[in-house]
Amino acid sequence: MRRWSETAERVAATTRTSEKTAILAEYLASLDAAELPIAAVFLTGRPFPEHDPRTLGLGWSGLSAAVLAVAGADQDAFRRAYDRTSDVAASVRLVLEEAGHAAADPAEPTLLEVFAALEAIEAAAGADAKLVILEGLLRRCSPATAAGLARVLTGELRVGLREGLLEAAIARAFDRPLAAVQRAGQLTGDVGRTAALARDNRLADASVTLFHPMRCMLASPAEDAAEIMARLGPTAWVEDKYDGIRAQLHRRGTEVRLFSRDLNDIGGQFPEVVDGARDLTWAGILDGEILAWRDDQVLPFLQLQARLGRKAPSAKIRAEVPVIFVAWDALALDTDGDGTTRSLLDEPLAERRRRLEALDLALAADGGRFALSHLVSVGSVDALEAAFAAARARRNEGLLVKDPTSRYTPGRRGLGWLKMKKALATIDCVIVGVELGHGKRHGVLSDYTFAVRDEAAGALVTIGKAYSGLTDAELAEMTRWFEAHTVSTHGRYRVVEPSMVVEVAFDVIMRSTRHRSGFALRFPRIARLRSDKAAADADTVATVARLYEELQHGAEHLVTATARR
């Protein structure tokens, strides 16, 4: 584990992609068959492979408690270190170094021993039992190695390592074609297995496997209709971009599993979809979206959130937030009826859609739990704009615009699929709080809490928080302003003088008890600074409420019922 941590530090120390790739390739090539998959997975910032549903059950408090116990430090030592570094791994190292900690084992734990300890932590019952194992592991580590372990435990790798760069390093380490490594990674969803296949020259063995989730194909963002049609025209396929959660449905016989975009099994959260799929007559893998749905129309994502993160929703929750699975792609099917599931990834979208429609989900499914995505063909900019407006009226985020000849490329963004989204509106808000940023934004006050005016109460009431939209130069300038206009400091958060106005763009307005305004904005981002406006010129709760009502009254039923029962 010491060499892994040292390699991570070396990768973090350079900004040159070629040098990062070379460092990783040399390291990966030096590992034996047992170490390689573990090291590769750790380099993604995960303790277990992407498709592995296991979690450690250790949060910030668990890690900090274990580090403080090993260091013999006071309860505020970790917080003070984090305030200085804005990085968990650096904080772990700092606390241990300041305590004079030295590894109890001069050899330090191996990758295999660390992985075995992580498996034991995952299997341990109760926080106390998990902490005993973690403390024992940390005592064997030097501060530098403990910092590397913290990167894996928290998922905060922060070494400037993208997935594509790791794949390039695997290809270089074992002298394999990069395209073959990428393809294997797409199909397996497991960089550790991909590295092992590359090492053994067996990349061609990677294949679509039922009940083993693959990464979802992603769409590239675009807003301009003319640009979209120039890329995908003269004729493009257009689907509604739903405000739900991406899901893969795997089915054979009575065995059914649902996987999320991050490859976790979520079937327990949506048992009605799983139960309904058992009555279907095909075997294979579908790509689609789970939506909150009632009375033939989509419900806001905020309501769907009540279903998320639950091992098994109560009957009350299921009744309050019913769901459906909207299918838009067929990734693998038993096309010949011989029990063999064959990949459709290399088939054009038009053929995959034909096979999807042939499944006749509506006739086979029980309980109205399935639908096909709303799909139309457009041949002009005006037609695309009209389709976008219609999708918005159906309470959807926007559009997915697709090339009907495109192949399905798991885990990749390309120009074969484009997502068309536009800000619903903008409102002028007053910044009332800021927070110290993390990672690259260490030392920068970049997370802004903003508010609108409640005229009845004569006060500012919060409506959201955003950290994107401004340039580095603007952030630096704003940081200096906020430092000079801080009212009070609460750890990493500062209450600031409520006089800075920003224009905030967003996609959806939702009712919410989280903010004092009674509303929340979905995907808020800062459109521009409004130095020309004073706090008294900011928008009001009444303005937000009017926008919300206009959105609600303008919504029409979701027109996707061609395959709904």
Protein backbone atom coordinates (compact mmCIF):
# COMPACT_ATOMS: atom_id res chain seq x y z
CA MET A 1 0.00 0.00 0.00
CA ARG A 2 2.96 2.30 0.57
CA ARG A 3 3.95 2.09 -3.12
CA TRP A 4 0.34 2.74 -4.15
CA SER A 5 0.25 5.86 -1.95
CA GLU A 6 3.60 7.05 -3.27
CA THR A 7 2.40 6.53 -6.84
CA ALA A 8 -0.76 8.53 -6.15
CA GLU A 9 1.37 11.37 -4.74
CA ARG A 10 3.63 11.32 -7.82
CA VAL A 11 0.60 11.45 -10.11
CA ALA A 12 -0.82 14.36 -8.13
CA ALA A 13 2.49 16.23 -8.32
CA THR A 14 2.45 16.63 -12.10
CA THR A 15 -0.05 18.30 -14.40
CA ARG A 16 1.30 16.65 -17.54
CA THR A 17 -0.99 13.92 -18.82
CA SER A 18 1.85 12.04 -20.50
CA GLU A 19 3.83 11.96 -17.26
CA LYS A 20 0.83 10.78 -15.23
CA THR A 21 0.27 7.98 -17.76
CA ALA A 22 3.93 6.94 -17.65
CA ILE A 23 4.01 6.85 -13.83
CA LEU A 24 0.87 4.74 -13.67
CA ALA A 25 1.94 2.39 -16.45
CA GLU A 26 5.26 1.67 -14.77
CA TYR A 27 3.53 1.00 -11.47
CA LEU A 28 0.77 -1.23 -12.89
CA ALA A 29 3.24 -3.28 -14.91
CA SER A 30 5.22 -4.04 -11.73
CA LEU A 31 2.29 -5.65 -9.88
CA ASP A 32 1.52 -9.35 -9.67
CA ALA A 33 -1.78 -10.90 -10.77
CA ALA A 34 -3.38 -10.62 -7.32
CA GLU A 35 -2.33 -7.02 -6.67
CA LEU A 36 -3.20 -5.53 -10.07
CA PRO A 37 -7.03 -5.54 -9.90
CA ILE A 38 -6.98 -4.10 -6.37
CA ALA A 39 -4.55 -1.33 -7.26
CA ALA A 40 -6.52 -0.40 -10.38
CA VAL A 41 -9.82 -0.20 -8.50
CA PHE A 42 -8.20 1.86 -5.73
CA LEU A 43 -7.01 4.28 -8.44
CA THR A 44 -10.66 5.06 -9.19
CA GLY A 45 -11.13 6.17 -5.58
CA ARG A 46 -13.23 3.14 -4.67
CA PRO A 47 -12.61 0.33 -2.20
CA PHE A 48 -14.56 -2.15 -4.36
CA PRO A 49 -15.23 -2.43 -8.11
CA GLU A 50 -17.81 -0.07 -9.60
CA HIS A 51 -20.44 -2.78 -9.99
CA ASP A 52 -19.87 -4.13 -6.47
CA PRO A 53 -22.78 -2.99 -4.25
CA ARG A 54 -20.81 -3.23 -1.00
CA THR A 55 -20.14 -0.09 1.01
CA LEU A 56 -17.87 0.38 4.00
CA GLY A 57 -20.37 2.24 6.17
CA LEU A 58 -17.64 4.64 7.29
CA GLY A 59 -18.28 8.33 6.92
CA TRP A 60 -16.28 11.41 7.81
CA SER A 61 -16.94 10.89 11.51
CA GLY A 62 -15.74 7.28 11.45
CA LEU A 63 -12.50 8.07 9.63
CA SER A 64 -11.73 11.11 11.77
CA ALA A 65 -12.47 9.17 14.98
CA ALA A 66 -10.07 6.40 13.96
CA VAL A 67 -7.34 8.87 12.97
CA LEU A 68 -7.70 10.82 16.23
CA ALA A 69 -7.55 7.59 18.25
CA VAL A 70 -4.34 6.52 16.52
CA ALA A 71 -2.82 9.99 16.87
CA GLY A 72 -3.98 10.48 20.44
CA ALA A 73 -5.12 13.95 19.38
CA ASP A 74 -7.95 16.12 20.68
CA GLN A 75 -11.39 16.09 19.06
CA ASP A 76 -10.85 19.31 17.10
CA ALA A 77 -7.50 18.32 15.56
CA PHE A 78 -9.02 16.83 12.42
CA ARG A 79 -11.31 19.81 11.86
CA ARG A 80 -8.40 22.22 12.25
CA ALA A 81 -6.32 20.20 9.78
CA TYR A 82 -9.16 20.17 7.26
CA ASP A 83 -9.65 23.92 7.58
CA ARG A 84 -5.98 24.31 6.65
CA THR A 85 -5.89 21.81 3.77
CA SER A 86 -9.47 21.39 2.43
CA ASP A 87 -8.47 17.80 1.68
CA VAL A 88 -9.28 14.69 3.70
CA ALA A 89 -6.12 12.75 2.76
CA ALA A 90 -3.86 15.72 3.51
CA SER A 91 -5.69 16.21 6.82
CA VAL A 92 -5.10 12.59 7.82
CA ARG A 93 -1.42 12.91 7.06
CA LEU A 94 -1.12 16.24 8.90
CA VAL A 95 -2.82 14.98 12.07
CA LEU A 96 -0.64 11.85 12.21
CA GLU A 97 2.58 13.72 11.44
CA GLU A 98 1.92 16.38 14.08
CA ALA A 99 1.29 13.60 16.58
CA GLY A 100 4.63 11.99 15.69
CA HIS A 101 2.93 8.78 14.54
CA ALA A 102 5.13 6.11 12.99
CA ALA A 103 4.05 2.87 11.35
CA ALA A 104 3.85 0.00 13.82
CA ASP A 105 4.85 -2.34 11.00
CA PRO A 106 8.03 -1.23 9.16
CA ALA A 107 6.87 -3.15 6.07
CA GLU A 108 3.41 -1.57 6.27
CA PRO A 109 0.30 -3.44 5.02
CA THR A 110 0.27 -4.84 1.52
CA LEU A 111 -2.49 -4.14 -1.02
CA LEU A 112 -3.91 -7.60 -0.34
CA GLU A 113 -3.93 -6.97 3.40
CA VAL A 114 -5.61 -3.59 2.96
CA PHE A 115 -8.27 -5.07 0.72
CA ALA A 116 -8.89 -7.89 3.22
CA ALA A 117 -9.25 -5.28 5.99
CA LEU A 118 -11.73 -3.28 3.89
CA GLU A 119 -13.78 -6.42 3.30
CA ALA A 120 -13.74 -7.06 7.04
CA ILE A 121 -14.87 -3.49 7.73
CA GLU A 122 -17.73 -3.88 5.27
CA ALA A 123 -18.82 -7.15 6.88
CA ALA A 124 -18.46 -5.92 10.48
CA ALA A 125 -21.70 -5.27 12.34
CA GLY A 126 -21.84 -1.87 14.00
CA ALA A 127 -19.73 1.28 13.97
CA ASP A 128 -17.57 0.22 16.91
CA ALA A 129 -16.52 -3.04 15.26
CA LYS A 130 -15.66 -1.20 12.02
CA LEU A 131 -13.57 1.36 13.89
CA VAL A 132 -11.54 -1.34 15.67
CA ILE A 133 -10.51 -2.79 12.30
CA LEU A 134 -9.76 0.62 10.79
CA GLU A 135 -7.70 1.74 13.78
CA GLY A 136 -5.64 -1.44 13.60
CA LEU A 137 -4.99 -0.84 9.92
CA LEU A 138 -4.04 2.81 10.41
CA ARG A 139 -1.59 1.93 13.22
CA ARG A 140 0.35 -0.18 10.73
CA CYS A 141 0.57 2.70 8.23
CA SER A 142 2.95 5.64 8.03
CA PRO A 143 1.24 9.06 7.75
CA ALA A 144 1.86 9.07 3.98
CA THR A 145 0.37 5.60 3.53
CA ALA A 146 -2.56 6.49 5.78
CA ALA A 147 -3.24 9.46 3.52
CA GLY A 148 -3.39 7.11 0.54
CA LEU A 149 -5.77 4.84 2.43
CA ALA A 150 -7.97 7.87 3.18
CA ARG A 151 -8.19 8.63 -0.55
CA VAL A 152 -9.72 5.19 -1.09
CA LEU A 153 -11.96 5.27 1.98
CA THR A 154 -13.51 8.63 1.10
CA GLY A 155 -13.54 8.38 -2.69
CA GLU A 156 -11.69 11.71 -2.81
CA LEU A 157 -8.69 10.70 -4.90
CA ARG A 158 -7.81 14.23 -6.04
CA VAL A 159 -4.70 13.39 -8.01
CA GLY A 160 -5.89 14.65 -11.40
CA LEU A 161 -6.63 11.15 -12.62
CA ARG A 162 -9.44 10.73 -15.14
CA GLU A 163 -10.84 7.37 -16.15
CA GLY A 164 -9.50 7.73 -19.68
CA LEU A 165 -6.02 8.36 -18.36
CA LEU A 166 -6.12 5.20 -16.27
CA GLU A 167 -7.24 3.21 -19.31
CA ALA A 168 -4.35 4.70 -21.29
CA ALA A 169 -1.96 3.65 -18.52
CA ILE A 170 -3.32 0.09 -18.60
CA ALA A 171 -2.88 -0.05 -22.38
CA ARG A 172 0.69 1.24 -22.10
CA ALA A 173 1.60 -1.01 -19.17
CA PHE A 174 0.74 -4.19 -21.08
CA ASP A 175 1.23 -2.97 -24.67
CA ARG A 176 -2.42 -3.40 -25.66
CA PRO A 177 -4.51 -1.30 -28.06
CA LEU A 178 -6.20 1.54 -26.19
CA ALA A 179 -9.47 0.95 -28.04
CA ALA A 180 -9.52 -2.65 -26.83
CA VAL A 181 -8.94 -1.56 -23.22
CA GLN A 182 -11.70 1.04 -23.50
CA ARG A 183 -14.14 -1.46 -24.98
CA ALA A 184 -13.44 -4.00 -22.23
CA GLY A 185 -13.92 -1.30 -19.60
CA GLN A 186 -17.24 -0.29 -21.15
CA LEU A 187 -18.54 -3.85 -21.10
CA THR A 188 -17.27 -4.96 -17.70
CA GLY A 189 -17.76 -1.76 -15.71
CA ASP A 190 -14.76 -2.95 -13.69
CA VAL A 191 -11.36 -1.37 -14.23
CA GLY A 192 -9.73 -4.06 -12.07
CA ARG A 193 -11.02 -6.85 -14.27
CA THR A 194 -10.10 -4.82 -17.36
CA ALA A 195 -6.52 -4.46 -16.11
CA ALA A 196 -6.33 -8.20 -15.44
CA LEU A 197 -7.67 -8.99 -18.93
CA ALA A 198 -5.09 -6.65 -20.45
CA ARG A 199 -2.29 -8.26 -18.46
CA ASP A 200 -3.31 -11.73 -19.66
CA ASN A 201 -3.98 -10.59 -23.26
CA ARG A 202 -7.66 -11.56 -22.93
CA LEU A 203 -9.40 -8.25 -23.61
CA ALA A 204 -11.48 -9.91 -26.32
CA ASP A 205 -13.12 -12.04 -23.60
CA ALA A 206 -14.99 -9.01 -22.23
CA SER A 207 -18.67 -9.25 -23.11
CA VAL A 208 -22.14 -8.13 -22.15
CA THR A 209 -23.26 -10.28 -19.25
CA LEU A 210 -26.78 -10.48 -17.90
CA PHE A 211 -27.10 -9.27 -14.28
CA HIS A 212 -23.67 -7.66 -14.55
CA PRO A 213 -24.36 -3.93 -15.18
CA MET A 214 -22.48 -1.95 -17.77
CA ARG A 215 -21.97 1.78 -17.83
CA CYS A 216 -24.64 3.91 -19.43
CA MET A 217 -24.05 5.75 -22.69
CA LEU A 218 -23.97 9.48 -22.02
CA ALA A 219 -25.09 12.47 -24.06
CA SER A 220 -23.03 15.59 -24.68
CA PRO A 221 -24.64 18.88 -23.63
CA ALA A 222 -25.91 21.35 -26.23
CA GLU A 223 -28.34 24.26 -26.16
CA ASP A 224 -28.38 25.76 -29.62
CA ALA A 225 -30.91 24.10 -31.94
CA ALA A 226 -29.08 25.16 -35.10
CA GLU A 227 -25.83 23.64 -33.84
CA ILE A 228 -27.62 20.41 -32.91
CA MET A 229 -29.23 20.03 -36.32
CA ALA A 230 -25.93 20.82 -38.04
CA ARG A 231 -24.35 17.94 -36.14
CA LEU A 232 -27.14 15.37 -36.35
CA GLY A 233 -29.27 16.48 -39.29
CA PRO A 234 -30.79 16.48 -41.79
CA THR A 235 -33.05 14.19 -39.72
CA ALA A 236 -32.63 13.48 -36.03
CA TRP A 237 -34.53 11.45 -33.46
CA VAL A 238 -35.82 13.34 -30.46
CA GLU A 239 -36.81 11.91 -27.07
CA ASP A 240 -37.97 13.66 -23.93
CA LYS A 241 -35.20 14.09 -21.36
CA TYR A 242 -36.90 12.88 -18.21
CA ASP A 243 -36.34 14.20 -14.70
CA GLY A 244 -35.91 10.81 -13.03
CA ILE A 245 -33.05 8.42 -12.38
CA ARG A 246 -31.24 6.42 -15.04
CA ALA A 247 -31.67 2.66 -14.69
CA GLN A 248 -30.77 -0.59 -16.41
CA LEU A 249 -33.31 -3.41 -16.29
CA HIS A 250 -31.88 -6.95 -16.49
CA ARG A 251 -34.29 -9.86 -16.85
CA ARG A 252 -34.29 -13.62 -17.46
CA GLY A 253 -37.21 -15.78 -16.40
CA THR A 254 -38.36 -14.65 -12.98
CA GLU A 255 -34.98 -13.13 -12.10
CA VAL A 256 -35.07 -9.35 -12.43
CA ARG A 257 -32.58 -6.74 -11.28
CA LEU A 258 -32.46 -2.96 -11.58
CA PHE A 259 -29.16 -1.09 -11.62
CA SER A 260 -28.51 2.63 -11.24
CA ARG A 261 -26.20 4.76 -13.34
CA ASP A 262 -23.41 4.12 -10.84
CA LEU A 263 -24.04 0.35 -11.20
CA ASN A 264 -25.67 -0.20 -7.81
CA ASP A 265 -28.58 -2.62 -7.42
CA ILE A 266 -31.67 -0.48 -6.74
CA GLY A 267 -34.36 -3.12 -7.20
CA GLY A 268 -35.28 -2.97 -3.53
CA GLN A 269 -36.19 0.70 -3.88
CA PHE A 270 -38.62 0.00 -6.72
CA PRO A 271 -40.19 -3.42 -6.04
CA GLU A 272 -43.25 -2.73 -8.19
CA VAL A 273 -41.03 -2.40 -11.28
CA VAL A 274 -39.17 -5.61 -10.43
CA ASP A 275 -42.39 -7.51 -9.72
CA GLY A 276 -44.03 -6.23 -12.91
CA ALA A 277 -41.03 -7.28 -15.01
CA ARG A 278 -41.32 -10.88 -13.84
CA ASP A 279 -44.42 -11.26 -16.01
CA LEU A 280 -42.62 -10.17 -19.18
CA THR A 281 -41.72 -12.66 -21.89
CA TRP A 282 -38.23 -11.63 -23.01
CA ALA A 283 -34.70 -11.97 -21.64
CA GLY A 284 -32.15 -9.20 -21.90
CA ILE A 285 -31.09 -5.72 -20.81
CA LEU A 286 -32.99 -2.46 -21.28
CA ASP A 287 -31.79 1.10 -20.70
CA GLY A 288 -34.22 3.69 -19.42
CA GLU A 289 -35.40 5.98 -16.66
CA ILE A 290 -37.42 5.53 -13.49
CA LEU A 291 -39.97 8.30 -13.02
CA ALA A 292 -42.38 9.27 -10.28
CA TRP A 293 -45.75 8.95 -12.03
CA ARG A 294 -49.41 9.41 -11.18
CA ASP A 295 -52.60 9.91 -13.22
CA ASP A 296 -50.75 9.61 -16.51
CA GLN A 297 -48.26 12.36 -15.82
CA VAL A 298 -44.75 12.70 -14.47
CA LEU A 299 -44.27 13.99 -10.94
CA PRO A 300 -41.44 16.36 -9.89
CA PHE A 301 -38.09 14.81 -9.09
CA LEU A 302 -38.41 16.15 -5.56
CA GLN A 303 -41.19 13.62 -4.98
CA LEU A 304 -39.13 10.79 -6.46
CA GLN A 305 -36.40 11.57 -3.94
CA ALA A 306 -38.67 10.17 -1.23
CA ARG A 307 -38.12 6.75 -2.84
CA LEU A 308 -34.33 6.97 -3.03
CA GLY A 309 -31.93 5.45 -0.54
CA ARG A 310 -34.52 3.13 1.02
CA LYS A 311 -33.86 -0.59 1.13
CA ALA A 312 -37.59 -1.25 0.89
CA PRO A 313 -40.19 1.54 0.65
CA SER A 314 -43.24 1.32 2.87
CA ALA A 315 -46.69 0.77 1.43
CA LYS A 316 -47.45 4.38 2.29
CA ILE A 317 -44.47 5.72 0.32
CA ARG A 318 -45.30 3.46 -2.63
CA ALA A 319 -48.85 4.76 -2.66
CA GLU A 320 -47.77 8.40 -2.37
CA VAL A 321 -45.03 8.15 -5.01
CA PRO A 322 -45.84 5.50 -7.63
CA VAL A 323 -43.18 4.91 -10.29
CA ILE A 324 -42.78 3.59 -13.81
CA PHE A 325 -39.83 2.44 -15.90
CA VAL A 326 -39.59 4.31 -19.22
CA ALA A 327 -37.49 2.27 -21.66
CA TRP A 328 -35.59 3.91 -24.50
CA ASP A 329 -32.99 1.36 -25.58
CA ALA A 330 -32.41 -2.39 -25.86
CA LEU A 331 -28.80 -3.32 -25.06
CA ALA A 332 -29.00 -7.13 -25.20
CA LEU A 333 -31.78 -9.60 -25.98
CA ASP A 334 -32.40 -13.29 -26.48
CA THR A 335 -33.13 -12.61 -30.12
CA ASP A 336 -33.37 -16.25 -31.23
CA GLY A 337 -35.28 -17.68 -28.28
CA ASP A 338 -32.50 -20.16 -27.55
CA GLY A 339 -31.68 -18.81 -24.09
CA THR A 340 -28.56 -16.96 -25.28
CA THR A 341 -28.53 -13.22 -24.64
CA ARG A 342 -26.77 -11.38 -27.45
CA SER A 343 -25.33 -7.88 -27.37
CA LEU A 344 -27.02 -5.20 -29.48
CA LEU A 345 -24.46 -2.50 -28.70
CA ASP A 346 -23.01 -2.49 -32.21
CA GLU A 347 -26.42 -2.33 -33.87
CA PRO A 348 -27.61 1.13 -35.01
CA LEU A 349 -30.09 2.88 -32.75
CA ALA A 350 -32.85 2.44 -35.33
CA GLU A 351 -32.50 -1.35 -35.11
CA ARG A 352 -32.27 -1.32 -31.31
CA ARG A 353 -35.45 0.75 -31.14
CA ARG A 354 -37.22 -1.64 -33.51
CA ARG A 355 -36.34 -4.55 -31.26
CA LEU A 356 -37.43 -2.58 -28.20
CA GLU A 357 -40.83 -1.80 -29.67
CA ALA A 358 -41.26 -5.45 -30.66
CA LEU A 359 -41.15 -6.45 -26.99
CA ASP A 360 -44.65 -4.97 -26.62
CA LEU A 361 -44.09 -3.94 -23.02
CA ALA A 362 -47.62 -2.66 -22.53
CA LEU A 363 -49.31 -5.93 -23.42
CA ALA A 364 -46.93 -8.02 -21.35
CA ALA A 365 -46.53 -5.89 -18.23
CA ASP A 366 -48.74 -5.89 -15.17
CA GLY A 367 -49.74 -2.81 -13.21
CA GLY A 368 -48.83 -0.14 -15.76
CA ARG A 369 -45.20 -0.03 -14.67
CA PHE A 370 -43.65 0.32 -18.12
CA ALA A 371 -43.64 2.77 -21.01
CA LEU A 372 -41.61 3.59 -24.09
CA SER A 373 -39.87 6.94 -24.33
CA HIS A 374 -41.69 9.59 -26.33
CA LEU A 375 -39.91 9.60 -29.70
CA VAL A 376 -40.37 11.83 -32.75
CA SER A 377 -38.30 12.63 -35.81
CA VAL A 378 -37.37 16.23 -36.65
CA GLY A 379 -35.87 17.70 -39.79
CA SER A 380 -35.48 21.39 -39.03
CA VAL A 381 -34.42 23.86 -36.37
CA ASP A 382 -38.01 25.04 -35.96
CA ALA A 383 -39.24 21.48 -35.47
CA LEU A 384 -36.54 20.88 -32.85
CA GLU A 385 -37.48 24.04 -30.95
CA ALA A 386 -41.14 23.01 -31.05
CA ALA A 387 -40.25 19.55 -29.72
CA PHE A 388 -38.28 21.17 -26.91
CA ALA A 389 -41.20 23.37 -25.91
CA ALA A 390 -43.54 20.36 -25.97
CA ALA A 391 -41.17 18.33 -23.77
CA ARG A 392 -41.01 21.17 -21.27
CA ALA A 393 -44.82 21.36 -21.27
CA ARG A 394 -44.84 17.67 -20.37
CA ARG A 395 -42.79 18.56 -17.26
CA ASN A 396 -39.55 17.16 -18.62
CA GLU A 397 -36.07 18.70 -18.50
CA GLY A 398 -35.60 19.02 -22.23
CA LEU A 399 -34.62 16.69 -25.04
CA LEU A 400 -32.24 13.92 -25.97
CA VAL A 401 -31.43 14.32 -29.64
CA LYS A 402 -29.99 11.19 -31.23
CA ASP A 403 -28.49 10.00 -34.49
CA PRO A 404 -30.59 6.96 -35.52
CA THR A 405 -27.43 5.33 -36.91
CA SER A 406 -25.46 5.66 -33.65
CA ARG A 407 -24.02 2.67 -31.81
CA TYR A 408 -24.35 2.31 -28.04
CA THR A 409 -21.03 3.20 -26.40
CA PRO A 410 -21.20 2.51 -22.64
CA GLY A 411 -19.70 5.13 -20.38
CA ARG A 412 -18.88 7.54 -23.19
CA ARG A 413 -20.08 10.95 -24.26
CA GLY A 414 -20.14 11.46 -27.99
CA LEU A 415 -21.86 13.54 -30.62
CA GLY A 416 -24.24 10.71 -31.52
CA TRP A 417 -26.40 11.71 -28.53
CA LEU A 418 -26.88 15.33 -27.48
CA LYS A 419 -28.89 16.59 -24.52
CA MET A 420 -30.71 19.83 -25.10
CA LYS A 421 -31.46 21.78 -21.92
CA LYS A 422 -32.12 25.45 -21.32
CA ALA A 423 -32.52 27.45 -18.18
CA LEU A 424 -36.19 27.79 -17.34
CA ALA A 425 -35.62 31.36 -16.20
CA THR A 426 -33.27 33.46 -14.11
CA ILE A 427 -33.86 35.34 -10.88
CA ASP A 428 -31.78 37.95 -9.12
CA CYS A 429 -30.68 36.82 -5.67
CA VAL A 430 -28.63 38.20 -2.79
CA ILE A 431 -25.64 36.22 -1.52
CA VAL A 432 -25.99 35.77 2.24
CA GLY A 433 -23.36 33.09 2.93
CA VAL A 434 -20.22 31.62 1.40
CA GLU A 435 -18.15 28.54 2.11
CA LEU A 436 -14.51 27.68 1.62
CA GLY A 437 -14.05 25.48 -1.44
CA HIS A 438 -12.45 22.04 -1.67
CA GLY A 439 -9.60 20.60 -3.72
CA LYS A 440 -8.63 22.99 -6.51
CA ARG A 441 -10.79 25.65 -4.86
CA HIS A 442 -8.95 25.44 -1.55
CA GLY A 443 -8.64 28.94 -0.17
CA VAL A 444 -11.40 30.25 -2.44
CA LEU A 445 -14.83 31.25 -1.14
CA SER A 446 -16.81 29.61 -3.91
CA ASP A 447 -19.97 27.96 -2.53
CA TYR A 448 -22.61 30.69 -2.42
CA THR A 449 -25.85 30.53 -0.45
CA PHE A 450 -28.35 32.99 -1.92
CA ALA A 451 -31.71 34.42 -0.97
CA VAL A 452 -34.71 36.34 -2.30
CA ARG A 453 -36.74 39.06 -0.59
CA ASP A 454 -39.77 38.23 1.53
CA GLU A 455 -41.60 41.54 1.32
CA ALA A 456 -44.22 40.56 3.91
CA ALA A 457 -41.61 39.72 6.52
CA GLY A 458 -39.15 42.38 5.44
CA ALA A 459 -36.35 39.82 5.35
CA LEU A 460 -34.13 37.82 3.02
CA VAL A 461 -35.03 34.11 2.83
CA THR A 462 -32.78 31.43 1.36
CA ILE A 463 -33.69 29.61 -1.84
CA GLY A 464 -30.56 27.73 -2.85
CA LYS A 465 -26.83 27.27 -3.13
CA ALA A 466 -24.52 27.24 -6.16
CA TYR A 467 -20.82 27.02 -6.88
CA SER A 468 -20.66 27.00 -10.68
CA GLY A 469 -20.86 29.65 -13.36
CA LEU A 470 -18.07 32.08 -12.49
CA THR A 471 -14.55 32.22 -13.93
CA ASP A 472 -11.48 31.69 -11.78
CA ALA A 473 -10.76 35.41 -12.01
CA GLU A 474 -14.27 36.30 -10.85
CA LEU A 475 -14.03 33.81 -7.98
CA ALA A 476 -10.73 35.33 -6.85
CA GLU A 477 -12.19 38.83 -6.98
CA MET A 478 -15.32 37.75 -5.12
CA THR A 479 -13.23 35.95 -2.48
CA ARG A 480 -11.42 39.19 -1.66
CA TRP A 481 -14.74 41.02 -1.44
CA PHE A 482 -16.33 38.42 0.86
CA GLU A 483 -13.26 38.33 3.11
CA ALA A 484 -13.65 42.07 3.57
CA HIS A 485 -17.41 41.84 4.15
CA THR A 486 -17.67 38.83 6.49
CA VAL A 487 -20.19 39.27 9.27
CA SER A 488 -19.38 36.07 11.18
CA THR A 489 -17.46 32.83 10.67
CA HIS A 490 -18.74 29.35 11.53
CA GLY A 491 -16.03 26.84 10.68
CA ARG A 492 -15.78 26.82 6.89
CA TYR A 493 -18.97 28.84 6.44
CA ARG A 494 -19.19 32.62 6.55
CA VAL A 495 -22.20 34.84 6.92
CA VAL A 496 -21.54 37.83 4.66
CA GLU A 497 -22.95 41.30 4.23
CA PRO A 498 -26.14 40.82 2.16
CA SER A 499 -25.39 43.31 -0.60
CA MET A 500 -23.92 41.28 -3.47
CA VAL A 501 -26.51 40.40 -6.15
CA VAL A 502 -26.13 37.55 -8.65
CA GLU A 503 -28.34 36.38 -11.50
CA VAL A 504 -29.12 32.69 -10.93
CA ALA A 505 -30.25 30.36 -13.72
CA PHE A 506 -32.10 27.12 -13.02
CA ASP A 507 -34.06 24.33 -14.69
CA VAL A 508 -36.98 23.72 -12.32
CA ILE A 509 -38.65 25.37 -9.34
CA MET A 510 -39.89 23.02 -6.61
CA ARG A 511 -41.78 23.42 -3.37
CA SER A 512 -39.37 22.69 -0.52
CA THR A 513 -39.15 22.95 3.25
CA ARG A 514 -35.37 22.94 3.06
CA HIS A 515 -35.14 26.67 2.43
CA ARG A 516 -36.90 29.49 4.26
CA SER A 517 -38.43 30.76 1.01
CA GLY A 518 -40.46 27.57 0.71
CA PHE A 519 -38.93 26.87 -2.72
CA ALA A 520 -35.84 25.20 -4.15
CA LEU A 521 -34.16 25.52 -7.54
CA ARG A 522 -33.02 22.46 -9.47
CA PHE A 523 -29.54 22.75 -11.01
CA PRO A 524 -28.96 26.38 -9.99
CA ARG A 525 -25.90 28.10 -11.44
CA ILE A 526 -24.67 31.66 -11.42
CA ALA A 527 -25.33 33.28 -14.78
CA ARG A 528 -23.58 36.57 -13.98
CA LEU A 529 -22.68 39.04 -11.28
CA ARG A 530 -25.08 41.97 -10.99
CA SER A 531 -22.90 44.75 -9.60
CA ASP A 532 -25.38 47.16 -11.13
CA LYS A 533 -28.08 46.08 -8.66
CA ALA A 534 -28.56 46.53 -4.93
CA ALA A 535 -30.10 44.02 -2.54
CA ALA A 536 -33.36 45.96 -2.70
CA ASP A 537 -33.53 45.16 -6.42
CA ALA A 538 -33.41 41.38 -5.89
CA ASP A 539 -36.43 39.26 -6.81
CA THR A 540 -39.09 38.37 -4.28
CA VAL A 541 -40.75 35.23 -2.98
CA ALA A 542 -43.88 36.41 -4.80
CA THR A 543 -41.96 36.43 -8.10
CA VAL A 544 -40.71 32.90 -7.48
CA ALA A 545 -44.21 31.73 -6.56
CA ARG A 546 -45.61 33.23 -9.76
CA LEU A 547 -42.97 31.44 -11.86
CA TYR A 548 -43.76 28.21 -10.05
CA GLU A 549 -47.50 28.53 -10.74
CA GLU A 550 -46.91 29.38 -14.39
CA LEU A 551 -44.81 26.24 -14.74
CA GLN A 552 -47.46 24.10 -13.07
CA HIS A 553 -50.33 25.48 -15.12
CA GLY A 554 -48.39 25.18 -18.34
CA ALA A 555 -47.67 21.48 -17.84
CA GLU A 556 -49.49 18.99 -19.99
CA HIS A 557 -49.74 15.26 -19.66
CA LEU A 558 -46.68 13.29 -20.63
CA VAL A 559 -47.39 11.97 -24.11
CA THR A 560 -45.61 8.65 -23.94
CA ALA A 561 -48.57 6.33 -23.56
CA THR A 562 -48.02 4.30 -26.70
CA ALA A 563 -46.60 1.49 -24.58
CA ARG A 564 -48.31 2.20 -21.27
CA ARG A 565 -50.87 -0.11 -19.81
